Amino acid sequence: MRKYLLIVDRNKASLGTRFINNLIDTIVLMIIHVILTFISGFLYGFTSIWFFYFYNNGGFLWDIFIGAMVAFVYFFLWEYYTQGMTPGKYVTGTRVISVDGQKPDRKQILQRSLYRVIPFEPLSFFGREGWHDSFSDTRVINWSNYISERQAKDDINRIGQKEIA
């Protein structure tokens, strides 16, 4: 069980900001899908390998499966290698952080990414937190507000301590 810090809760991103994050990331994912479709069509024409034909013509369930896999890889790689940020989070100045105030570990990012592929997971935001946040003990926070509050708290804690030059 992780220690839950109130400073993380006070700096949570608003629902509107989270919506903008999701909108931007969805647009980026759509662009990735278009690129993959063109690449697979080109590769099928060049190599006649059946998989590349099937990628574009696999049917409804195949499209859902491929979409979920691409989204999983997208969110995992972005959030793991950019310290909790995706293109949407870059634009809005938000970041994923663990509820204990630390950088999320690989397991937490993996859990977040897996929970995102549940079909009705976006509707979980009508509750208090989305499933991918609740089950992985992470939160999306406004990064600049969080850093400012953390710095102020550290400054207050250092009052009266002897400085060593």
Protein backbone atom coordinates (compact mmCIF):
# COMPACT_ATOMS: atom_id res chain seq x y z
CA MET A 1 0.00 0.00 0.00
CA ARG A 2 1.39 3.36 -1.02
CA LYS A 3 1.30 6.38 1.23
CA TYR A 4 -1.29 8.79 -0.12
CA LEU A 5 -0.19 12.45 -0.15
CA LEU A 6 -2.78 15.22 0.01
CA ILE A 7 -0.56 17.48 -2.09
CA VAL A 8 -1.12 15.09 -5.00
CA ASP A 9 -4.88 15.23 -4.52
CA ARG A 10 -4.93 19.03 -4.28
CA ASN A 11 -3.15 19.37 -7.63
CA LYS A 12 -5.18 16.88 -9.65
CA ALA A 13 -5.94 17.94 -13.19
CA SER A 14 -9.52 19.02 -13.80
CA LEU A 15 -11.96 16.90 -15.74
CA GLY A 16 -11.83 19.43 -18.60
CA THR A 17 -8.04 19.20 -18.76
CA ARG A 18 -8.24 15.42 -18.74
CA PHE A 19 -10.76 15.60 -21.59
CA ILE A 20 -8.36 17.77 -23.62
CA ASN A 21 -5.54 15.29 -22.89
CA ASN A 22 -7.74 12.45 -24.14
CA LEU A 23 -8.82 14.40 -27.22
CA ILE A 24 -5.24 15.22 -28.25
CA ASP A 25 -4.03 11.67 -27.61
CA THR A 26 -6.97 10.27 -29.59
CA ILE A 27 -6.07 12.49 -32.55
CA VAL A 28 -2.44 11.32 -32.36
CA LEU A 29 -3.62 7.69 -32.20
CA MET A 30 -5.81 8.24 -35.26
CA ILE A 31 -2.82 9.62 -37.15
CA ILE A 32 -0.77 6.58 -36.10
CA HIS A 33 -3.53 4.26 -37.36
CA VAL A 34 -3.66 6.05 -40.73
CA ILE A 35 0.13 5.75 -41.06
CA LEU A 36 0.04 2.05 -40.14
CA THR A 37 -2.75 1.47 -42.66
CA PHE A 38 -0.75 3.07 -45.46
CA ILE A 39 2.40 1.19 -44.49
CA SER A 40 0.60 -2.17 -44.34
CA GLY A 41 -1.07 -1.49 -47.71
CA PHE A 42 2.28 -0.65 -49.24
CA LEU A 43 3.94 -3.70 -47.71
CA TYR A 44 1.14 -5.97 -48.96
CA GLY A 45 1.51 -4.59 -52.47
CA PHE A 46 5.27 -5.02 -52.31
CA THR A 47 5.51 -8.41 -50.56
CA SER A 48 2.05 -10.02 -50.98
CA ILE A 49 2.27 -11.21 -47.36
CA TRP A 50 -1.29 -11.98 -46.25
CA PHE A 51 -0.91 -10.37 -42.80
CA PHE A 52 -0.53 -6.91 -44.32
CA TYR A 53 -3.73 -7.41 -46.32
CA PHE A 54 -5.53 -8.67 -43.22
CA TYR A 55 -4.34 -5.65 -41.20
CA ASN A 56 -6.45 -3.39 -43.42
CA ASN A 57 -9.32 -5.81 -44.09
CA GLY A 58 -9.66 -7.91 -40.93
CA GLY A 59 -13.13 -6.77 -39.94
CA PHE A 60 -14.68 -5.03 -36.97
CA LEU A 61 -13.25 -7.22 -34.18
CA TRP A 62 -9.79 -7.08 -35.71
CA ASP A 63 -10.00 -3.27 -35.82
CA ILE A 64 -10.94 -3.18 -32.13
CA PHE A 65 -8.09 -5.56 -31.25
CA ILE A 66 -5.49 -3.63 -33.26
CA GLY A 67 -6.76 -0.33 -31.87
CA ALA A 68 -6.44 -1.61 -28.31
CA MET A 69 -2.92 -2.95 -28.90
CA VAL A 70 -1.71 0.26 -30.53
CA ALA A 71 -3.26 2.33 -27.72
CA PHE A 72 -1.63 0.11 -25.08
CA VAL A 73 1.81 0.46 -26.66
CA TYR A 74 1.31 4.19 -27.25
CA PHE A 75 0.36 5.01 -23.66
CA PHE A 76 2.92 2.67 -22.10
CA LEU A 77 5.87 3.99 -24.13
CA TRP A 78 4.94 7.65 -23.79
CA GLU A 79 4.23 7.57 -20.07
CA TYR A 80 7.17 5.34 -19.20
CA TYR A 81 9.88 7.05 -21.25
CA THR A 82 8.74 10.68 -20.82
CA GLN A 83 8.21 10.66 -17.05
CA GLY A 84 4.43 10.33 -17.14
CA MET A 85 3.59 12.47 -20.14
CA THR A 86 1.84 11.95 -23.46
CA PRO A 87 1.45 14.55 -26.23
CA GLY A 88 -1.85 15.63 -24.67
CA LYS A 89 -0.23 16.03 -21.27
CA TYR A 90 2.63 18.03 -22.81
CA VAL A 91 0.12 20.51 -24.24
CA THR A 92 -1.84 20.92 -20.99
CA GLY A 93 1.14 20.85 -18.61
CA THR A 94 0.00 17.77 -16.74
CA ARG A 95 1.82 14.60 -15.76
CA VAL A 96 1.15 11.19 -14.25
CA ILE A 97 2.46 10.78 -10.73
CA SER A 98 2.13 8.09 -8.10
CA VAL A 99 -0.18 8.87 -5.15
CA ASP A 100 2.91 8.89 -2.92
CA GLY A 101 4.40 11.79 -4.91
CA GLN A 102 7.03 9.71 -6.71
CA LYS A 103 7.53 8.95 -10.37
CA PRO A 104 5.30 5.98 -11.26
CA ASP A 105 7.18 2.73 -11.65
CA ARG A 106 6.99 0.37 -14.62
CA LYS A 107 4.28 -1.75 -13.01
CA GLN A 108 2.03 1.26 -12.43
CA ILE A 109 2.46 2.49 -16.01
CA LEU A 110 1.80 -1.03 -17.30
CA GLN A 111 -1.38 -1.25 -15.20
CA ARG A 112 -2.55 2.18 -16.41
CA SER A 113 -2.00 1.17 -20.01
CA LEU A 114 -3.78 -2.17 -19.63
CA TYR A 115 -6.83 -0.68 -17.89
CA ARG A 116 -7.20 1.85 -20.71
CA VAL A 117 -8.05 -0.90 -23.22
CA ILE A 118 -11.17 -1.96 -21.28
CA PRO A 119 -14.00 -0.96 -23.63
CA PHE A 120 -16.07 1.15 -21.20
CA GLU A 121 -13.18 2.46 -19.11
CA PRO A 122 -13.63 6.09 -20.28
CA LEU A 123 -17.06 6.06 -18.65
CA SER A 124 -15.41 5.34 -15.29
CA PHE A 125 -14.66 9.08 -15.02
CA PHE A 126 -18.27 9.66 -14.00
CA GLY A 127 -17.10 8.31 -10.64
CA ARG A 128 -14.34 9.87 -8.56
CA GLU A 129 -11.34 8.61 -10.54
CA GLY A 130 -10.88 6.70 -13.76
CA TRP A 131 -10.12 3.01 -13.39
CA HIS A 132 -6.65 3.41 -14.86
CA ASP A 133 -5.86 5.89 -12.05
CA SER A 134 -7.64 4.12 -9.19
CA PHE A 135 -6.30 0.64 -9.77
CA SER A 136 -2.72 1.73 -10.45
CA ASP A 137 -2.47 4.25 -7.55
CA THR A 138 -1.62 7.11 -9.91
CA ARG A 139 -3.04 10.56 -10.57
CA VAL A 140 -2.76 13.09 -13.36
CA ILE A 141 -1.70 16.40 -11.84
CA ASN A 142 -1.06 19.95 -12.91
CA TRP A 143 2.74 19.74 -12.82
CA SER A 144 3.63 23.42 -12.33
CA ASN A 145 1.15 23.85 -9.45
CA TYR A 146 2.43 20.65 -7.83
CA ILE A 147 6.07 21.73 -8.07
CA SER A 148 5.26 25.21 -6.71
CA GLU A 149 3.38 23.82 -3.73
CA ARG A 150 6.07 21.24 -3.05
CA GLN A 151 8.78 23.92 -3.20
CA ALA A 152 6.84 26.17 -0.80
CA LYS A 153 6.37 23.27 1.60
CA ASP A 154 10.09 22.42 1.45
CA ASP A 155 10.98 26.08 2.07
CA ILE A 156 8.73 26.19 5.13
CA ASN A 157 10.27 22.96 6.45
CA ARG A 158 13.77 24.44 6.08
CA ILE A 159 13.00 27.53 8.19
CA GLY A 160 15.31 27.53 11.18
CA GLN A 161 17.76 25.02 9.74
CA LYS A 162 21.36 26.06 9.57
CA GLU A 163 22.59 26.55 6.03
CA ILE A 164 25.95 25.11 5.10
CA ALA A 165 27.75 27.08 2.44
